[in-house]
Amino acid sequence: MTMRPTFLLIDGNRFKRYKKVPHECIIQGDGKYASIAAASILAKTYRDDFMNALHDKHPAYNWKQNKGYPTVFHRNAVLNFGMSTYHRKTFACLPKVNTEETSLY
């Protein structure tokens, strides 16, 4: 049996339409709806496990500690080692810097 959602609650203010399923974007939805809060916890738990596994493959980025957030250490690692295939290219995790600089700070 295949289940198809009839309505999606989205935490945030942007969403790319999913198979013409009606949806509503709710800013701070995790504080308003238990279902969004539960989904947020599941997503964070999954992401943390994924980042830990990536750390084992690419320890230079220290993903166990920063979980992919652009900390100073992580930004410097990107400058020194480049972006991996796992880095999201849509995020501006590095400001435009002089190419001769070796560290952000």
PDB file of N, CA and C in Angstrom:
ATOM      1  N   MET A   1       0.839  -1.179   0.000  1.00  0.00           N
ATOM      2  CA  MET A   1       0.000   0.000   0.000  1.00  0.00           C
ATOM      3  C   MET A   1       0.885   1.244   0.000  1.00  0.00           C
ATOM      4  N   THR A   2       0.677   2.146  -0.921  1.00  0.00           N
ATOM      5  CA  THR A   2       1.442   3.385  -1.007  1.00  0.00           C
ATOM      6  C   THR A   2       0.640   4.508  -0.376  1.00  0.00           C
ATOM      7  N   MET A   3       1.267   5.230   0.536  1.00  0.00           N
ATOM      8  CA  MET A   3       0.605   6.362   1.170  1.00  0.00           C
ATOM      9  C   MET A   3       1.050   7.645   0.483  1.00  0.00           C
ATOM     10  N   ARG A   4       0.120   8.537   0.293  1.00  0.00           N
ATOM     11  CA  ARG A   4       0.410   9.831  -0.316  1.00  0.00           C
ATOM     12  C   ARG A   4      -0.097  10.915   0.626  1.00  0.00           C
ATOM     13  N   PRO A   5       0.748  11.880   0.946  1.00  0.00           N
ATOM     14  CA  PRO A   5       0.273  12.946   1.829  1.00  0.00           C
ATOM     15  C   PRO A   5      -0.824  13.772   1.162  1.00  0.00           C
ATOM     16  N   THR A   6      -1.735  14.281   1.990  1.00  0.00           N
ATOM     17  CA  THR A   6      -2.807  15.117   1.452  1.00  0.00           C
ATOM     18  C   THR A   6      -2.564  16.592   1.735  1.00  0.00           C
ATOM     19  N   PHE A   7      -1.679  16.870   2.710  1.00  0.00           N
ATOM     20  CA  PHE A   7      -1.364  18.255   3.060  1.00  0.00           C
ATOM     21  C   PHE A   7      -0.045  18.255   3.815  1.00  0.00           C
ATOM     22  N   LEU A   8       0.830  19.201   3.521  1.00  0.00           N
ATOM     23  CA  LEU A   8       2.142  19.284   4.165  1.00  0.00           C
ATOM     24  C   LEU A   8       2.242  20.552   5.001  1.00  0.00           C
ATOM     25  N   LEU A   9       2.717  20.396   6.237  1.00  0.00           N
ATOM     26  CA  LEU A   9       3.055  21.544   7.083  1.00  0.00           C
ATOM     27  C   LEU A   9       4.556  21.725   6.979  1.00  0.00           C
ATOM     28  N   ILE A  10       4.994  22.898   6.580  1.00  0.00           N
ATOM     29  CA  ILE A  10       6.403  23.168   6.352  1.00  0.00           C
ATOM     30  C   ILE A  10       6.907  24.160   7.398  1.00  0.00           C
ATOM     31  N   ASP A  11       7.995  23.800   8.061  1.00  0.00           N
ATOM     32  CA  ASP A  11       8.609  24.694   9.037  1.00  0.00           C
ATOM     33  C   ASP A  11       9.492  25.683   8.293  1.00  0.00           C
ATOM     34  N   GLY A  12       9.089  26.923   8.229  1.00  0.00           N
ATOM     35  CA  GLY A  12       9.876  27.942   7.534  1.00  0.00           C
ATOM     36  C   GLY A  12       9.017  28.727   6.575  1.00  0.00           C
ATOM     37  N   ASN A  13       9.693  29.510   5.735  1.00  0.00           N
ATOM     38  CA  ASN A  13       8.947  30.382   4.829  1.00  0.00           C
ATOM     39  C   ASN A  13       9.173  30.072   3.351  1.00  0.00           C
ATOM     40  N   ARG A  14       9.906  28.993   3.047  1.00  0.00           N
ATOM     41  CA  ARG A  14      10.149  28.630   1.643  1.00  0.00           C
ATOM     42  C   ARG A  14       9.981  27.127   1.479  1.00  0.00           C
ATOM     43  N   PHE A  15       9.436  26.756   0.353  1.00  0.00           N
ATOM     44  CA  PHE A  15       9.267  25.334   0.075  1.00  0.00           C
ATOM     45  C   PHE A  15       9.093  25.139  -1.422  1.00  0.00           C
ATOM     46  N   LYS A  16       9.786  24.169  -1.967  1.00  0.00           N
ATOM     47  CA  LYS A  16       9.623  23.820  -3.373  1.00  0.00           C
ATOM     48  C   LYS A  16       8.497  22.786  -3.455  1.00  0.00           C
ATOM     49  N   ARG A  17       7.487  23.103  -4.192  1.00  0.00           N
ATOM     50  CA  ARG A  17       6.283  22.263  -4.293  1.00  0.00           C
ATOM     51  C   ARG A  17       6.647  20.797  -4.488  1.00  0.00           C
ATOM     52  N   TYR A  18       5.927  19.919  -3.792  1.00  0.00           N
ATOM     53  CA  TYR A  18       6.160  18.481  -3.853  1.00  0.00           C
ATOM     54  C   TYR A  18       4.965  17.782  -4.480  1.00  0.00           C
ATOM     55  N   LYS A  19       5.108  17.302  -5.683  1.00  0.00           N
ATOM     56  CA  LYS A  19       4.096  16.522  -6.389  1.00  0.00           C
ATOM     57  C   LYS A  19       2.685  17.096  -6.285  1.00  0.00           C
ATOM     58  N   LYS A  20       2.583  18.397  -6.375  1.00  0.00           N
ATOM     59  CA  LYS A  20       1.289  19.086  -6.365  1.00  0.00           C
ATOM     60  C   LYS A  20       0.485  18.858  -5.086  1.00  0.00           C
ATOM     61  N   VAL A  21       1.153  18.455  -4.009  1.00  0.00           N
ATOM     62  CA  VAL A  21       0.472  18.282  -2.724  1.00  0.00           C
ATOM     63  C   VAL A  21       0.321  19.669  -2.094  1.00  0.00           C
ATOM     64  N   PRO A  22      -0.871  20.026  -1.644  1.00  0.00           N
ATOM     65  CA  PRO A  22      -1.045  21.327  -0.994  1.00  0.00           C
ATOM     66  C   PRO A  22      -0.168  21.425   0.259  1.00  0.00           C
ATOM     67  N   HIS A  23       0.292  22.630   0.535  1.00  0.00           N
ATOM     68  CA  HIS A  23       1.161  22.821   1.692  1.00  0.00           C
ATOM     69  C   HIS A  23       0.965  24.212   2.277  1.00  0.00           C
ATOM     70  N   GLU A  24       1.463  24.367   3.489  1.00  0.00           N
ATOM     71  CA  GLU A  24       1.487  25.681   4.132  1.00  0.00           C
ATOM     72  C   GLU A  24       2.832  25.853   4.820  1.00  0.00           C
ATOM     73  N   CYS A  25       3.489  26.954   4.538  1.00  0.00           N
ATOM     74  CA  CYS A  25       4.746  27.290   5.199  1.00  0.00           C
ATOM     75  C   CYS A  25       4.421  28.057   6.482  1.00  0.00           C
ATOM     76  N   ILE A  26       5.012  27.612   7.593  1.00  0.00           N
ATOM     77  CA  ILE A  26       4.724  28.206   8.886  1.00  0.00           C
ATOM     78  C   ILE A  26       6.041  28.603   9.539  1.00  0.00           C
ATOM     79  N   ILE A  27       6.258  29.893   9.675  1.00  0.00           N
ATOM     80  CA  ILE A  27       7.467  30.380  10.328  1.00  0.00           C
ATOM     81  C   ILE A  27       7.404  29.975  11.797  1.00  0.00           C
ATOM     82  N   GLN A  28       8.492  29.403  12.290  1.00  0.00           N
ATOM     83  CA  GLN A  28       8.597  28.871  13.662  1.00  0.00           C
ATOM     84  C   GLN A  28       7.534  27.804  13.914  1.00  0.00           C
ATOM     85  N   GLY A  29       7.281  27.013  12.887  1.00  0.00           N
ATOM     86  CA  GLY A  29       6.268  25.966  12.976  1.00  0.00           C
ATOM     87  C   GLY A  29       6.563  24.908  14.016  1.00  0.00           C
ATOM     88  N   ASP A  30       7.852  24.680  14.314  1.00  0.00           N
ATOM     89  CA  ASP A  30       8.180  23.670  15.317  1.00  0.00           C
ATOM     90  C   ASP A  30       7.740  24.086  16.721  1.00  0.00           C
ATOM     91  N   GLY A  31       7.475  25.351  16.924  1.00  0.00           N
ATOM     92  CA  GLY A  31       6.958  25.829  18.200  1.00  0.00           C
ATOM     93  C   GLY A  31       5.438  25.908  18.225  1.00  0.00           C
ATOM     94  N   LYS A  32       4.802  25.635  17.088  1.00  0.00           N
ATOM     95  CA  LYS A  32       3.347  25.755  16.982  1.00  0.00           C
ATOM     96  C   LYS A  32       2.646  24.419  16.769  1.00  0.00           C
ATOM     97  N   TYR A  33       3.320  23.463  16.154  1.00  0.00           N
ATOM     98  CA  TYR A  33       2.718  22.177  15.827  1.00  0.00           C
ATOM     99  C   TYR A  33       3.619  21.046  16.324  1.00  0.00           C
ATOM    100  N   ALA A  34       3.023  20.121  17.079  1.00  0.00           N
ATOM    101  CA  ALA A  34       3.787  18.980  17.601  1.00  0.00           C
ATOM    102  C   ALA A  34       4.335  18.122  16.467  1.00  0.00           C
ATOM    103  N   SER A  35       3.589  17.980  15.380  1.00  0.00           N
ATOM    104  CA  SER A  35       4.056  17.145  14.264  1.00  0.00           C
ATOM    105  C   SER A  35       5.300  17.739  13.616  1.00  0.00           C
ATOM    106  N   ILE A  36       5.354  19.064  13.491  1.00  0.00           N
ATOM    107  CA  ILE A  36       6.544  19.702  12.925  1.00  0.00           C
ATOM    108  C   ILE A  36       7.712  19.569  13.898  1.00  0.00           C
ATOM    109  N   ALA A  37       7.450  19.743  15.197  1.00  0.00           N
ATOM    110  CA  ALA A  37       8.512  19.603  16.201  1.00  0.00           C
ATOM    111  C   ALA A  37       9.088  18.186  16.174  1.00  0.00           C
ATOM    112  N   ALA A  38       8.224  17.181  16.091  1.00  0.00           N
ATOM    113  CA  ALA A  38       8.687  15.793  16.049  1.00  0.00           C
ATOM    114  C   ALA A  38       9.517  15.528  14.793  1.00  0.00           C
ATOM    115  N   ALA A  39       9.041  16.037  13.651  1.00  0.00           N
ATOM    116  CA  ALA A  39       9.781  15.861  12.400  1.00  0.00           C
ATOM    117  C   ALA A  39      11.138  16.549  12.472  1.00  0.00           C
ATOM    118  N   SER A  40      11.188  17.722  13.127  1.00  0.00           N
ATOM    119  CA  SER A  40      12.452  18.447  13.278  1.00  0.00           C
ATOM    120  C   SER A  40      13.450  17.645  14.108  1.00  0.00           C
ATOM    121  N   ILE A  41      12.962  17.003  15.167  1.00  0.00           N
ATOM    122  CA  ILE A  41      13.837  16.178  16.012  1.00  0.00           C
ATOM    123  C   ILE A  41      14.366  14.991  15.225  1.00  0.00           C
ATOM    124  N   LEU A  42      13.485  14.323  14.485  1.00  0.00           N
ATOM    125  CA  LEU A  42      13.920  13.184  13.668  1.00  0.00           C
ATOM    126  C   LEU A  42      14.940  13.617  12.619  1.00  0.00           C
ATOM    127  N   ALA A  43      14.690  14.741  11.976  1.00  0.00           N
ATOM    128  CA  ALA A  43      15.607  15.234  10.943  1.00  0.00           C
ATOM    129  C   ALA A  43      16.964  15.587  11.541  1.00  0.00           C
ATOM    130  N   LYS A  44      16.972  16.238  12.706  1.00  0.00           N
ATOM    131  CA  LYS A  44      18.236  16.611  13.355  1.00  0.00           C
ATOM    132  C   LYS A  44      19.007  15.372  13.777  1.00  0.00           C
ATOM    133  N   THR A  45      18.317  14.392  14.338  1.00  0.00           N
ATOM    134  CA  THR A  45      18.973  13.146  14.753  1.00  0.00           C
ATOM    135  C   THR A  45      19.599  12.442  13.552  1.00  0.00           C
ATOM    136  N   TYR A  46      18.856  12.372  12.450  1.00  0.00           N
ATOM    137  CA  TYR A  46      19.371  11.754  11.234  1.00  0.00           C
ATOM    138  C   TYR A  46      20.591  12.525  10.722  1.00  0.00           C
ATOM    139  N   ARG A  47      20.492  13.844  10.692  1.00  0.00           N
ATOM    140  CA  ARG A  47      21.590  14.675  10.191  1.00  0.00           C
ATOM    141  C   ARG A  47      22.833  14.527  11.066  1.00  0.00           C
ATOM    142  N   ASP A  48      22.659  14.509  12.371  1.00  0.00           N
ATOM    143  CA  ASP A  48      23.805  14.333  13.265  1.00  0.00           C
ATOM    144  C   ASP A  48      24.499  12.997  13.002  1.00  0.00           C
ATOM    145  N   ASP A  49      23.726  11.925  12.836  1.00  0.00           N
ATOM    146  CA  ASP A  49      24.316  10.616  12.531  1.00  0.00           C
ATOM    147  C   ASP A  49      25.040  10.652  11.184  1.00  0.00           C
ATOM    148  N   PHE A  50      24.433  11.318  10.206  1.00  0.00           N
ATOM    149  CA  PHE A  50      25.046  11.434   8.880  1.00  0.00           C
ATOM    150  C   PHE A  50      26.357  12.209   8.961  1.00  0.00           C
ATOM    151  N   MET A  51      26.357  13.318   9.720  1.00  0.00           N
ATOM    152  CA  MET A  51      27.574  14.127   9.849  1.00  0.00           C
ATOM    153  C   MET A  51      28.676  13.347  10.572  1.00  0.00           C
ATOM    154  N   ASN A  52      28.307  12.533  11.549  1.00  0.00           N
ATOM    155  CA  ASN A  52      29.299  11.691  12.233  1.00  0.00           C
ATOM    156  C   ASN A  52      29.925  10.697  11.257  1.00  0.00           C
ATOM    157  N   ALA A  53      29.106  10.118  10.386  1.00  0.00           N
ATOM    158  CA  ALA A  53      29.627   9.186   9.382  1.00  0.00           C
ATOM    159  C   ALA A  53      30.528   9.916   8.385  1.00  0.00           C
ATOM    160  N   LEU A  54      30.156  11.129   7.993  1.00  0.00           N
ATOM    161  CA  LEU A  54      31.004  11.909   7.088  1.00  0.00           C
ATOM    162  C   LEU A  54      32.338  12.249   7.748  1.00  0.00           C
ATOM    163  N   HIS A  55      32.302  12.519   9.054  1.00  0.00           N
ATOM    164  CA  HIS A  55      33.537  12.833   9.774  1.00  0.00           C
ATOM    165  C   HIS A  55      34.521  11.669   9.662  1.00  0.00           C
ATOM    166  N   ASP A  56      34.017  10.448   9.757  1.00  0.00           N
ATOM    167  CA  ASP A  56      34.905   9.287   9.662  1.00  0.00           C
ATOM    168  C   ASP A  56      35.567   9.210   8.284  1.00  0.00           C
ATOM    169  N   LYS A  57      34.872   9.675   7.236  1.00  0.00           N
ATOM    170  CA  LYS A  57      35.434   9.671   5.880  1.00  0.00           C
ATOM    171  C   LYS A  57      36.309  10.892   5.607  1.00  0.00           C
ATOM    172  N   HIS A  58      35.964  12.034   6.225  1.00  0.00           N
ATOM    173  CA  HIS A  58      36.645  13.307   5.955  1.00  0.00           C
ATOM    174  C   HIS A  58      36.920  14.045   7.275  1.00  0.00           C
ATOM    175  N   PRO A  59      37.817  13.524   8.107  1.00  0.00           N
ATOM    176  CA  PRO A  59      38.035  14.120   9.434  1.00  0.00           C
ATOM    177  C   PRO A  59      38.595  15.546   9.403  1.00  0.00           C
ATOM    178  N   ALA A  60      39.164  15.963   8.297  1.00  0.00           N
ATOM    179  CA  ALA A  60      39.768  17.297   8.233  1.00  0.00           C
ATOM    180  C   ALA A  60      38.753  18.406   8.481  1.00  0.00           C
ATOM    181  N   TYR A  61      37.457  18.160   8.210  1.00  0.00           N
ATOM    182  CA  TYR A  61      36.428  19.199   8.379  1.00  0.00           C
ATOM    183  C   TYR A  61      35.831  19.223   9.782  1.00  0.00           C
ATOM    184  N   ASN A  62      36.173  18.218  10.610  1.00  0.00           N
ATOM    185  CA  ASN A  62      35.704  18.140  12.001  1.00  0.00           C
ATOM    186  C   ASN A  62      34.178  18.154  12.104  1.00  0.00           C
ATOM    187  N   TRP A  63      33.529  17.397  11.227  1.00  0.00           N
ATOM    188  CA  TRP A  63      32.076  17.372  11.195  1.00  0.00           C
ATOM    189  C   TRP A  63      31.451  16.795  12.457  1.00  0.00           C
ATOM    190  N   LYS A  64      32.184  15.980  13.207  1.00  0.00           N
ATOM    191  CA  LYS A  64      31.618  15.477  14.472  1.00  0.00           C
ATOM    192  C   LYS A  64      31.356  16.632  15.430  1.00  0.00           C
ATOM    193  N   GLN A  65      32.171  17.649  15.363  1.00  0.00           N
ATOM    194  CA  GLN A  65      32.029  18.780  16.273  1.00  0.00           C
ATOM    195  C   GLN A  65      31.078  19.852  15.723  1.00  0.00           C
ATOM    196  N   ASN A  66      31.249  20.227  14.459  1.00  0.00           N
ATOM    197  CA  ASN A  66      30.484  21.375  13.950  1.00  0.00           C
ATOM    198  C   ASN A  66      29.220  20.992  13.184  1.00  0.00           C
ATOM    199  N   LYS A  67      29.024  19.713  12.910  1.00  0.00           N
ATOM    200  CA  LYS A  67      27.828  19.219  12.208  1.00  0.00           C
ATOM    201  C   LYS A  67      27.567  19.946  10.888  1.00  0.00           C
ATOM    202  N   GLY A  68      28.627  20.502  10.295  1.00  0.00           N
ATOM    203  CA  GLY A  68      28.494  21.159   9.003  1.00  0.00           C
ATOM    204  C   GLY A  68      28.227  22.647   9.068  1.00  0.00           C
ATOM    205  N   TYR A  69      28.084  23.162  10.277  1.00  0.00           N
ATOM    206  CA  TYR A  69      27.883  24.606  10.401  1.00  0.00           C
ATOM    207  C   TYR A  69      29.211  25.317  10.187  1.00  0.00           C
ATOM    208  N   PRO A  70      29.186  26.518   9.613  1.00  0.00           N
ATOM    209  CA  PRO A  70      30.435  27.191   9.226  1.00  0.00           C
ATOM    210  C   PRO A  70      31.171  27.840  10.401  1.00  0.00           C
ATOM    211  N   THR A  71      31.691  27.000  11.293  1.00  0.00           N
ATOM    212  CA  THR A  71      32.528  27.518  12.376  1.00  0.00           C
ATOM    213  C   THR A  71      33.834  28.025  11.782  1.00  0.00           C
ATOM    214  N   VAL A  72      34.598  28.732  12.570  1.00  0.00           N
ATOM    215  CA  VAL A  72      35.897  29.227  12.107  1.00  0.00           C
ATOM    216  C   VAL A  72      36.773  28.052  11.655  1.00  0.00           C
ATOM    217  N   PHE A  73      36.816  26.986  12.466  1.00  0.00           N
ATOM    218  CA  PHE A  73      37.622  25.809  12.116  1.00  0.00           C
ATOM    219  C   PHE A  73      37.160  25.230  10.774  1.00  0.00           C
ATOM    220  N   HIS A  74      35.851  25.091  10.626  1.00  0.00           N
ATOM    221  CA  HIS A  74      35.315  24.492   9.403  1.00  0.00           C
ATOM    222  C   HIS A  74      35.617  25.363   8.181  1.00  0.00           C
ATOM    223  N   ARG A  75      35.441  26.668   8.316  1.00  0.00           N
ATOM    224  CA  ARG A  75      35.742  27.567   7.192  1.00  0.00           C
ATOM    225  C   ARG A  75      37.214  27.494   6.802  1.00  0.00           C
ATOM    226  N   ASN A  76      38.083  27.445   7.795  1.00  0.00           N
ATOM    227  CA  ASN A  76      39.512  27.332   7.494  1.00  0.00           C
ATOM    228  C   ASN A  76      39.829  25.996   6.824  1.00  0.00           C
ATOM    229  N   ALA A  77      39.141  24.931   7.240  1.00  0.00           N
ATOM    230  CA  ALA A  77      39.343  23.624   6.600  1.00  0.00           C
ATOM    231  C   ALA A  77      38.920  23.683   5.136  1.00  0.00           C
ATOM    232  N   VAL A  78      37.819  24.374   4.838  1.00  0.00           N
ATOM    233  CA  VAL A  78      37.383  24.513   3.447  1.00  0.00           C
ATOM    234  C   VAL A  78      38.424  25.299   2.654  1.00  0.00           C
ATOM    235  N   LEU A  79      38.978  26.347   3.256  1.00  0.00           N
ATOM    236  CA  LEU A  79      40.028  27.111   2.566  1.00  0.00           C
ATOM    237  C   LEU A  79      41.249  26.243   2.290  1.00  0.00           C
ATOM    238  N   ASN A  80      41.614  25.395   3.251  1.00  0.00           N
ATOM    239  CA  ASN A  80      42.826  24.582   3.116  1.00  0.00           C
ATOM    240  C   ASN A  80      42.636  23.335   2.268  1.00  0.00           C
ATOM    241  N   PHE A  81      41.448  22.706   2.336  1.00  0.00           N
ATOM    242  CA  PHE A  81      41.228  21.430   1.657  1.00  0.00           C
ATOM    243  C   PHE A  81      40.208  21.502   0.522  1.00  0.00           C
ATOM    244  N   GLY A  82      39.552  22.650   0.371  1.00  0.00           N
ATOM    245  CA  GLY A  82      38.510  22.772  -0.641  1.00  0.00           C
ATOM    246  C   GLY A  82      37.200  22.178  -0.141  1.00  0.00           C
ATOM    247  N   MET A  83      36.176  22.330  -0.953  1.00  0.00           N
ATOM    248  CA  MET A  83      34.869  21.791  -0.592  1.00  0.00           C
ATOM    249  C   MET A  83      34.775  20.343  -1.036  1.00  0.00           C
ATOM    250  N   SER A  84      34.165  19.540  -0.206  1.00  0.00           N
ATOM    251  CA  SER A  84      33.944  18.141  -0.576  1.00  0.00           C
ATOM    252  C   SER A  84      32.660  18.050  -1.394  1.00  0.00           C
ATOM    253  N   THR A  85      32.364  16.871  -1.885  1.00  0.00           N
ATOM    254  CA  THR A  85      31.108  16.675  -2.614  1.00  0.00           C
ATOM    255  C   THR A  85      29.912  16.775  -1.689  1.00  0.00           C
ATOM    256  N   TYR A  86      30.160  16.749  -0.384  1.00  0.00           N
ATOM    257  CA  TYR A  86      29.067  16.825   0.590  1.00  0.00           C
ATOM    258  C   TYR A  86      28.740  18.251   1.022  1.00  0.00           C
ATOM    259  N   HIS A  87      29.590  19.199   0.695  1.00  0.00           N
ATOM    260  CA  HIS A  87      29.302  20.589   1.041  1.00  0.00           C
ATOM    261  C   HIS A  87      28.197  21.124   0.144  1.00  0.00           C
ATOM    262  N   ARG A  88      27.270  21.865   0.742  1.00  0.00           N
ATOM    263  CA  ARG A  88      26.182  22.465  -0.036  1.00  0.00           C
ATOM    264  C   ARG A  88      26.703  23.722  -0.713  1.00  0.00           C
ATOM    265  N   LYS A  89      26.680  23.700  -2.020  1.00  0.00           N
ATOM    266  CA  LYS A  89      27.216  24.822  -2.793  1.00  0.00           C
ATOM    267  C   LYS A  89      26.291  26.046  -2.741  1.00  0.00           C
ATOM    268  N   THR A  90      25.042  25.848  -2.319  1.00  0.00           N
ATOM    269  CA  THR A  90      24.095  26.952  -2.269  1.00  0.00           C
ATOM    270  C   THR A  90      24.305  27.839  -1.052  1.00  0.00           C
ATOM    271  N   PHE A  91      25.032  27.344  -0.047  1.00  0.00           N
ATOM    272  CA  PHE A  91      25.310  28.150   1.137  1.00  0.00           C
ATOM    273  C   PHE A  91      26.562  28.970   0.895  1.00  0.00           C
ATOM    274  N   ALA A  92      26.539  30.198   1.306  1.00  0.00           N
ATOM    275  CA  ALA A  92      27.736  31.036   1.230  1.00  0.00           C
ATOM    276  C   ALA A  92      28.502  30.830   2.532  1.00  0.00           C
ATOM    277  N   CYS A  93      29.181  29.694   2.638  1.00  0.00           N
ATOM    278  CA  CYS A  93      29.860  29.397   3.895  1.00  0.00           C
ATOM    279  C   CYS A  93      31.188  30.130   3.998  1.00  0.00           C
ATOM    280  N   LEU A  94      31.657  30.659   2.893  1.00  0.00           N
ATOM    281  CA  LEU A  94      32.904  31.426   2.927  1.00  0.00           C
ATOM    282  C   LEU A  94      32.673  32.804   2.325  1.00  0.00           C
ATOM    283  N   PRO A  95      33.102  33.831   3.038  1.00  0.00           N
ATOM    284  CA  PRO A  95      33.012  35.159   2.431  1.00  0.00           C
ATOM    285  C   PRO A  95      34.057  35.281   1.333  1.00  0.00           C
ATOM    286  N   LYS A  96      33.884  36.244   0.455  1.00  0.00           N
ATOM    287  CA  LYS A  96      34.908  36.470  -0.565  1.00  0.00           C
ATOM    288  C   LYS A  96      36.145  37.009   0.135  1.00  0.00           C
ATOM    289  N   VAL A  97      37.255  36.308  -0.073  1.00  0.00           N
ATOM    290  CA  VAL A  97      38.497  36.694   0.582  1.00  0.00           C
ATOM    291  C   VAL A  97      39.599  36.793  -0.450  1.00  0.00           C
ATOM    292  N   ASN A  98      40.645  37.476  -0.070  1.00  0.00           N
ATOM    293  CA  ASN A  98      41.829  37.559  -0.902  1.00  0.00           C
ATOM    294  C   ASN A  98      42.381  36.146  -1.056  1.00  0.00           C
ATOM    295  N   THR A  99      42.673  35.716  -2.260  1.00  0.00           N
ATOM    296  CA  THR A  99      43.123  34.348  -2.508  1.00  0.00           C
ATOM    297  C   THR A  99      44.479  34.058  -1.886  1.00  0.00           C
ATOM    298  N   GLU A 100      45.218  35.103  -1.478  1.00  0.00           N
ATOM    299  CA  GLU A 100      46.514  34.879  -0.843  1.00  0.00           C
ATOM    300  C   GLU A 100      46.378  34.612   0.646  1.00  0.00           C
ATOM    301  N   GLU A 101      45.185  34.855   1.213  1.00  0.00           N
ATOM    302  CA  GLU A 101      44.987  34.582   2.628  1.00  0.00           C
ATOM    303  C   GLU A 101      44.876  33.091   2.864  1.00  0.00           C
ATOM    304  N   THR A 102      45.429  32.613   3.973  1.00  0.00           N
ATOM    305  CA  THR A 102      45.337  31.197   4.292  1.00  0.00           C
ATOM    306  C   THR A 102      44.395  30.937   5.452  1.00  0.00           C
ATOM    307  N   SER A 103      43.944  31.969   6.123  1.00  0.00           N
ATOM    308  CA  SER A 103      43.038  31.804   7.241  1.00  0.00           C
ATOM    309  C   SER A 103      42.040  32.961   7.253  1.00  0.00           C
ATOM    310  N   LEU A 104      40.847  32.673   7.757  1.00  0.00           N
ATOM    311  CA  LEU A 104      39.847  33.743   7.866  1.00  0.00           C
ATOM    312  C   LEU A 104      40.097  34.631   9.056  1.00  0.00           C
ATOM    313  N   TYR A 105      40.773  34.128  10.069  1.00  0.00           N
ATOM    314  CA  TYR A 105      40.973  34.890  11.303  1.00  0.00           C
ATOM    315  C   TYR A 105      42.402  34.802  11.792  1.00  0.00           C
TER     316      TYR A 105
END
